[in-house]
Amino acid sequence: MEIVVSNKASRPLYEQIATQIKSAIMSGELKAGEAIPSVRAMAKSLHISILTVQKAYSTLQEDGFIETTAGKGCYVSAQNQDFYLEEQQKKIEEKFSEAIEIARVSGISLDKLLNLITLLYEEDD
C-alpha cells in the first residue's frame, strides 16, 4: 500500500491519508486482519507529523475501518465494508434527491434523467 499526500491539495493531510487507506480496504488491497503501518512508521515515510497520522488513524477507527490494539498496532477491521457501502449509498441518495428535484422543476422526464445518469456513469469506462 502506497500513500501519497500533498500540501497543495485542498483537503487536509489526515483526510488524504484516511481516504487512501479506506480505498485500499474497499478495493481489497488491504484485507481484514491485515496490519497497517504504525503511526510512527507512516509519519516517517510521509515526512509529516505523528499527530497528523494519529488523527487519520483515529478517523479510520471511528468509522470502523481499523482496530487498534495497545502494544500490537493497527489492523484492518473485519466489519468495515458493509458500513462504508451504506454510508456511500446515503451520500448518493442525497445527491440523487437534489438532481431529481431539479429535473422535476425543469420538466426533465425520468427517461431523460436515467439516460443522463447512464451516460455519466459509463463515461469513464
N, C-alpha and C. Protein backbone atom coordinates (compact mmCIF):
# COMPACT_ATOMS: atom_id res chain seq x y z
N MET A 1 0.85 -1.18 0.00
CA MET A 1 0.00 0.00 0.00
C MET A 1 0.89 1.24 0.00
N GLU A 2 0.65 2.09 -0.97
CA GLU A 2 1.42 3.32 -1.07
C GLU A 2 0.49 4.51 -0.82
N ILE A 3 0.87 5.35 0.12
CA ILE A 3 0.10 6.55 0.45
C ILE A 3 0.86 7.74 -0.09
N VAL A 4 0.15 8.63 -0.81
CA VAL A 4 0.76 9.84 -1.35
C VAL A 4 -0.06 11.03 -0.85
N VAL A 5 0.62 11.99 -0.24
CA VAL A 5 -0.07 13.18 0.26
C VAL A 5 0.55 14.43 -0.37
N SER A 6 -0.25 15.48 -0.41
CA SER A 6 0.22 16.73 -0.99
C SER A 6 -0.22 17.90 -0.13
N ASN A 7 0.72 18.79 0.17
CA ASN A 7 0.39 20.01 0.91
C ASN A 7 -0.40 20.98 0.05
N LYS A 8 -0.35 20.80 -1.25
CA LYS A 8 -1.04 21.70 -2.17
C LYS A 8 -2.52 21.34 -2.36
N ALA A 9 -2.90 20.15 -1.93
CA ALA A 9 -4.30 19.71 -2.08
C ALA A 9 -5.21 20.51 -1.15
N SER A 10 -6.46 20.61 -1.53
CA SER A 10 -7.41 21.38 -0.72
C SER A 10 -7.83 20.63 0.54
N ARG A 11 -7.70 19.32 0.53
CA ARG A 11 -8.08 18.52 1.70
C ARG A 11 -6.91 18.39 2.66
N PRO A 12 -7.20 18.37 3.96
CA PRO A 12 -6.12 18.22 4.95
C PRO A 12 -5.37 16.90 4.77
N LEU A 13 -4.12 16.89 5.21
CA LEU A 13 -3.28 15.70 5.07
C LEU A 13 -3.89 14.46 5.72
N TYR A 14 -4.44 14.62 6.94
CA TYR A 14 -5.01 13.46 7.63
C TYR A 14 -6.16 12.86 6.83
N GLU A 15 -6.92 13.72 6.16
CA GLU A 15 -8.05 13.26 5.35
C GLU A 15 -7.55 12.52 4.11
N GLN A 16 -6.47 13.02 3.52
CA GLN A 16 -5.89 12.34 2.36
C GLN A 16 -5.42 10.94 2.73
N ILE A 17 -4.79 10.82 3.90
CA ILE A 17 -4.32 9.51 4.36
C ILE A 17 -5.50 8.58 4.60
N ALA A 18 -6.50 9.06 5.35
CA ALA A 18 -7.66 8.24 5.69
C ALA A 18 -8.38 7.77 4.43
N THR A 19 -8.56 8.66 3.47
CA THR A 19 -9.26 8.32 2.23
C THR A 19 -8.51 7.24 1.44
N GLN A 20 -7.20 7.35 1.38
CA GLN A 20 -6.41 6.37 0.63
C GLN A 20 -6.42 5.00 1.31
N ILE A 21 -6.40 5.00 2.63
CA ILE A 21 -6.46 3.72 3.35
C ILE A 21 -7.84 3.09 3.18
N LYS A 22 -8.90 3.91 3.26
CA LYS A 22 -10.26 3.41 3.03
C LYS A 22 -10.36 2.79 1.64
N SER A 23 -9.81 3.46 0.65
CA SER A 23 -9.85 2.95 -0.73
C SER A 23 -9.12 1.62 -0.85
N ALA A 24 -7.97 1.52 -0.18
CA ALA A 24 -7.20 0.27 -0.23
C ALA A 24 -7.98 -0.87 0.43
N ILE A 25 -8.72 -0.55 1.48
CA ILE A 25 -9.54 -1.56 2.15
C ILE A 25 -10.71 -1.97 1.26
N MET A 26 -11.38 -0.98 0.69
CA MET A 26 -12.56 -1.26 -0.13
C MET A 26 -12.20 -2.02 -1.41
N SER A 27 -11.02 -1.76 -1.95
CA SER A 27 -10.62 -2.44 -3.18
C SER A 27 -10.10 -3.84 -2.92
N GLY A 28 -9.86 -4.15 -1.64
CA GLY A 28 -9.34 -5.47 -1.31
C GLY A 28 -7.82 -5.53 -1.24
N GLU A 29 -7.18 -4.39 -1.51
CA GLU A 29 -5.72 -4.34 -1.42
C GLU A 29 -5.28 -4.62 0.02
N LEU A 30 -6.05 -4.08 0.97
CA LEU A 30 -5.84 -4.39 2.39
C LEU A 30 -6.98 -5.30 2.84
N LYS A 31 -6.65 -6.42 3.43
CA LYS A 31 -7.64 -7.41 3.85
C LYS A 31 -7.93 -7.30 5.35
N ALA A 32 -9.08 -7.80 5.76
CA ALA A 32 -9.46 -7.82 7.17
C ALA A 32 -8.39 -8.55 7.97
N GLY A 33 -7.99 -7.93 9.08
CA GLY A 33 -6.99 -8.53 9.95
C GLY A 33 -5.56 -8.16 9.59
N GLU A 34 -5.37 -7.56 8.43
CA GLU A 34 -4.03 -7.19 8.00
C GLU A 34 -3.54 -5.96 8.76
N ALA A 35 -2.28 -5.97 9.12
CA ALA A 35 -1.70 -4.83 9.84
C ALA A 35 -1.45 -3.67 8.88
N ILE A 36 -1.62 -2.47 9.39
CA ILE A 36 -1.24 -1.28 8.63
C ILE A 36 -0.03 -0.67 9.34
N PRO A 37 0.73 0.17 8.64
CA PRO A 37 1.94 0.72 9.26
C PRO A 37 1.62 1.46 10.56
N SER A 38 2.57 1.41 11.49
CA SER A 38 2.39 2.13 12.75
C SER A 38 2.32 3.62 12.47
N VAL A 39 1.79 4.36 13.44
CA VAL A 39 1.69 5.81 13.30
C VAL A 39 3.07 6.40 13.03
N ARG A 40 4.06 5.96 13.80
CA ARG A 40 5.42 6.48 13.64
C ARG A 40 6.00 6.14 12.27
N ALA A 41 5.81 4.91 11.83
CA ALA A 41 6.35 4.48 10.54
C ALA A 41 5.69 5.26 9.39
N MET A 42 4.38 5.44 9.48
CA MET A 42 3.67 6.18 8.43
C MET A 42 4.13 7.63 8.41
N ALA A 43 4.24 8.25 9.58
CA ALA A 43 4.68 9.65 9.66
C ALA A 43 6.08 9.81 9.08
N LYS A 44 6.95 8.86 9.40
CA LYS A 44 8.33 8.92 8.91
C LYS A 44 8.38 8.77 7.39
N SER A 45 7.62 7.81 6.86
CA SER A 45 7.66 7.57 5.41
C SER A 45 7.06 8.73 4.62
N LEU A 46 6.09 9.43 5.21
CA LEU A 46 5.45 10.56 4.51
C LEU A 46 6.10 11.91 4.85
N HIS A 47 7.03 11.89 5.81
CA HIS A 47 7.70 13.11 6.26
C HIS A 47 6.70 14.13 6.79
N ILE A 48 5.78 13.64 7.64
CA ILE A 48 4.79 14.52 8.26
C ILE A 48 4.73 14.24 9.76
N SER A 49 3.95 15.03 10.46
CA SER A 49 3.83 14.91 11.91
C SER A 49 3.12 13.62 12.33
N ILE A 50 3.57 13.07 13.43
CA ILE A 50 2.92 11.90 14.02
C ILE A 50 1.47 12.23 14.37
N LEU A 51 1.24 13.47 14.81
CA LEU A 51 -0.12 13.88 15.19
C LEU A 51 -1.08 13.84 14.00
N THR A 52 -0.58 14.16 12.82
CA THR A 52 -1.41 14.13 11.61
C THR A 52 -1.83 12.69 11.30
N VAL A 53 -0.88 11.77 11.37
CA VAL A 53 -1.19 10.36 11.11
C VAL A 53 -2.12 9.83 12.19
N GLN A 54 -1.87 10.24 13.43
CA GLN A 54 -2.72 9.80 14.54
C GLN A 54 -4.17 10.23 14.31
N LYS A 55 -4.36 11.45 13.80
CA LYS A 55 -5.71 11.94 13.50
C LYS A 55 -6.36 11.12 12.39
N ALA A 56 -5.59 10.77 11.37
CA ALA A 56 -6.10 9.95 10.28
C ALA A 56 -6.53 8.58 10.80
N TYR A 57 -5.69 7.97 11.64
CA TYR A 57 -6.00 6.66 12.19
C TYR A 57 -7.20 6.72 13.13
N SER A 58 -7.32 7.80 13.89
CA SER A 58 -8.49 7.97 14.76
C SER A 58 -9.77 8.04 13.94
N THR A 59 -9.70 8.78 12.84
CA THR A 59 -10.86 8.89 11.94
C THR A 59 -11.23 7.52 11.39
N LEU A 60 -10.23 6.76 10.96
CA LEU A 60 -10.47 5.42 10.42
C LEU A 60 -11.06 4.50 11.48
N GLN A 61 -10.59 4.64 12.71
CA GLN A 61 -11.11 3.80 13.79
C GLN A 61 -12.56 4.18 14.11
N GLU A 62 -12.85 5.48 14.17
CA GLU A 62 -14.22 5.93 14.44
C GLU A 62 -15.18 5.44 13.37
N ASP A 63 -14.71 5.40 12.12
CA ASP A 63 -15.54 4.96 11.01
C ASP A 63 -15.61 3.44 10.89
N GLY A 64 -14.88 2.73 11.75
CA GLY A 64 -14.95 1.27 11.76
C GLY A 64 -14.04 0.57 10.77
N PHE A 65 -13.07 1.29 10.21
CA PHE A 65 -12.20 0.68 9.22
C PHE A 65 -11.01 -0.04 9.83
N ILE A 66 -10.52 0.49 10.94
CA ILE A 66 -9.37 -0.16 11.58
C ILE A 66 -9.65 -0.35 13.06
N GLU A 67 -8.91 -1.26 13.65
CA GLU A 67 -8.97 -1.51 15.09
C GLU A 67 -7.55 -1.36 15.62
N THR A 68 -7.43 -0.74 16.77
CA THR A 68 -6.11 -0.55 17.37
C THR A 68 -6.01 -1.38 18.63
N THR A 69 -4.94 -2.14 18.73
CA THR A 69 -4.67 -2.94 19.92
C THR A 69 -3.41 -2.38 20.57
N ALA A 70 -3.53 -1.97 21.82
CA ALA A 70 -2.39 -1.38 22.53
C ALA A 70 -1.19 -2.32 22.49
N GLY A 71 -0.06 -1.78 22.07
CA GLY A 71 1.17 -2.56 22.03
C GLY A 71 1.31 -3.46 20.83
N LYS A 72 0.24 -3.65 20.07
CA LYS A 72 0.30 -4.56 18.91
C LYS A 72 0.13 -3.83 17.59
N GLY A 73 -0.51 -2.68 17.59
CA GLY A 73 -0.65 -1.90 16.36
C GLY A 73 -2.07 -1.79 15.86
N CYS A 74 -2.17 -1.37 14.61
CA CYS A 74 -3.47 -1.15 13.96
C CYS A 74 -3.70 -2.20 12.89
N TYR A 75 -4.93 -2.68 12.84
CA TYR A 75 -5.31 -3.72 11.89
C TYR A 75 -6.60 -3.35 11.18
N VAL A 76 -6.76 -3.85 9.97
CA VAL A 76 -7.98 -3.64 9.21
C VAL A 76 -9.12 -4.38 9.90
N SER A 77 -10.21 -3.66 10.12
CA SER A 77 -11.37 -4.23 10.78
C SER A 77 -12.11 -5.17 9.84
N ALA A 78 -12.76 -6.17 10.40
CA ALA A 78 -13.48 -7.15 9.58
C ALA A 78 -14.85 -6.64 9.12
N GLN A 79 -15.40 -5.65 9.81
CA GLN A 79 -16.78 -5.23 9.52
C GLN A 79 -16.88 -3.89 8.80
N ASN A 80 -15.84 -3.47 8.13
CA ASN A 80 -15.83 -2.14 7.56
C ASN A 80 -16.56 -1.99 6.24
N GLN A 81 -16.53 -2.99 5.38
CA GLN A 81 -17.02 -2.82 4.02
C GLN A 81 -18.52 -2.52 3.96
N ASP A 82 -19.33 -3.27 4.70
CA ASP A 82 -20.78 -3.04 4.68
C ASP A 82 -21.10 -1.65 5.20
N PHE A 83 -20.44 -1.25 6.27
CA PHE A 83 -20.67 0.06 6.86
C PHE A 83 -20.33 1.16 5.86
N TYR A 84 -19.19 1.04 5.23
CA TYR A 84 -18.74 2.05 4.28
C TYR A 84 -19.69 2.13 3.09
N LEU A 85 -20.09 0.99 2.56
CA LEU A 85 -21.01 0.99 1.42
C LEU A 85 -22.34 1.64 1.78
N GLU A 86 -22.81 1.41 2.99
CA GLU A 86 -24.05 2.03 3.46
C GLU A 86 -23.90 3.56 3.52
N GLU A 87 -22.78 4.02 4.04
CA GLU A 87 -22.50 5.46 4.12
C GLU A 87 -22.47 6.07 2.72
N GLN A 88 -21.80 5.40 1.80
CA GLN A 88 -21.70 5.90 0.43
C GLN A 88 -23.07 5.94 -0.24
N GLN A 89 -23.88 4.92 0.02
CA GLN A 89 -25.21 4.88 -0.55
C GLN A 89 -26.05 6.04 -0.06
N LYS A 90 -25.92 6.39 1.22
CA LYS A 90 -26.66 7.53 1.76
C LYS A 90 -26.25 8.83 1.05
N LYS A 91 -24.96 9.00 0.80
CA LYS A 91 -24.48 10.20 0.10
C LYS A 91 -25.05 10.26 -1.31
N ILE A 92 -25.06 9.11 -1.98
CA ILE A 92 -25.59 9.05 -3.34
C ILE A 92 -27.08 9.39 -3.35
N GLU A 93 -27.81 8.86 -2.39
CA GLU A 93 -29.25 9.15 -2.31
C GLU A 93 -29.50 10.64 -2.13
N GLU A 94 -28.70 11.30 -1.32
CA GLU A 94 -28.86 12.75 -1.12
C GLU A 94 -28.63 13.50 -2.43
N LYS A 95 -27.58 13.14 -3.14
CA LYS A 95 -27.27 13.81 -4.42
C LYS A 95 -28.36 13.53 -5.45
N PHE A 96 -28.83 12.28 -5.50
CA PHE A 96 -29.91 11.94 -6.44
C PHE A 96 -31.18 12.72 -6.11
N SER A 97 -31.48 12.88 -4.84
CA SER A 97 -32.68 13.64 -4.45
C SER A 97 -32.60 15.07 -4.97
N GLU A 98 -31.42 15.67 -4.86
CA GLU A 98 -31.22 17.03 -5.39
C GLU A 98 -31.41 17.04 -6.91
N ALA A 99 -30.81 16.07 -7.59
CA ALA A 99 -30.90 16.01 -9.05
C ALA A 99 -32.34 15.78 -9.51
N ILE A 100 -33.06 14.92 -8.80
CA ILE A 100 -34.45 14.63 -9.16
C ILE A 100 -35.32 15.87 -8.99
N GLU A 101 -35.08 16.62 -7.92
CA GLU A 101 -35.85 17.85 -7.69
C GLU A 101 -35.59 18.85 -8.80
N ILE A 102 -34.34 19.01 -9.20
CA ILE A 102 -34.01 19.92 -10.31
C ILE A 102 -34.67 19.45 -11.60
N ALA A 103 -34.62 18.14 -11.85
CA ALA A 103 -35.24 17.59 -13.06
C ALA A 103 -36.75 17.84 -13.08
N ARG A 104 -37.40 17.62 -11.95
CA ARG A 104 -38.85 17.83 -11.87
C ARG A 104 -39.20 19.29 -12.14
N VAL A 105 -38.49 20.20 -11.48
CA VAL A 105 -38.76 21.64 -11.63
C VAL A 105 -38.51 22.07 -13.07
N SER A 106 -37.53 21.45 -13.71
CA SER A 106 -37.16 21.82 -15.08
C SER A 106 -37.97 21.09 -16.14
N GLY A 107 -38.80 20.15 -15.71
CA GLY A 107 -39.62 19.41 -16.65
C GLY A 107 -38.86 18.33 -17.40
N ILE A 108 -37.77 17.88 -16.86
CA ILE A 108 -37.00 16.81 -17.50
C ILE A 108 -37.62 15.48 -17.11
N SER A 109 -37.89 14.65 -18.12
CA SER A 109 -38.56 13.37 -17.86
C SER A 109 -37.64 12.37 -17.17
N LEU A 110 -38.24 11.37 -16.56
CA LEU A 110 -37.48 10.31 -15.90
C LEU A 110 -36.58 9.59 -16.90
N ASP A 111 -37.11 9.35 -18.11
CA ASP A 111 -36.31 8.68 -19.14
C ASP A 111 -35.05 9.47 -19.47
N LYS A 112 -35.20 10.79 -19.64
CA LYS A 112 -34.04 11.63 -19.95
C LYS A 112 -33.06 11.63 -18.79
N LEU A 113 -33.58 11.67 -17.57
CA LEU A 113 -32.72 11.67 -16.39
C LEU A 113 -31.95 10.35 -16.29
N LEU A 114 -32.63 9.24 -16.52
CA LEU A 114 -31.97 7.94 -16.48
C LEU A 114 -30.91 7.82 -17.58
N ASN A 115 -31.22 8.34 -18.77
CA ASN A 115 -30.24 8.33 -19.86
C ASN A 115 -29.01 9.14 -19.49
N LEU A 116 -29.23 10.29 -18.87
CA LEU A 116 -28.12 11.14 -18.45
C LEU A 116 -27.25 10.44 -17.40
N ILE A 117 -27.90 9.83 -16.44
CA ILE A 117 -27.16 9.10 -15.40
C ILE A 117 -26.35 7.96 -16.02
N THR A 118 -26.97 7.22 -16.94
CA THR A 118 -26.29 6.13 -17.61
C THR A 118 -25.08 6.63 -18.39
N LEU A 119 -25.24 7.71 -19.13
CA LEU A 119 -24.13 8.27 -19.89
C LEU A 119 -22.99 8.71 -18.97
N LEU A 120 -23.33 9.39 -17.89
CA LEU A 120 -22.30 9.87 -16.96
C LEU A 120 -21.60 8.70 -16.26
N TYR A 121 -22.36 7.69 -15.91
CA TYR A 121 -21.77 6.54 -15.21
C TYR A 121 -20.80 5.78 -16.10
N GLU A 122 -21.16 5.65 -17.36
CA GLU A 122 -20.36 4.85 -18.30
C GLU A 122 -19.26 5.66 -18.97
N GLU A 123 -19.25 6.97 -18.74
CA GLU A 123 -18.32 7.88 -19.39
C GLU A 123 -16.85 7.50 -19.18
N ASP A 124 -16.48 7.12 -17.98
CA ASP A 124 -15.07 6.85 -17.67
C ASP A 124 -14.67 5.41 -17.91
N ASP A 125 -15.59 4.55 -18.30
CA ASP A 125 -15.26 3.14 -18.52
C ASP A 125 -14.53 2.90 -19.79
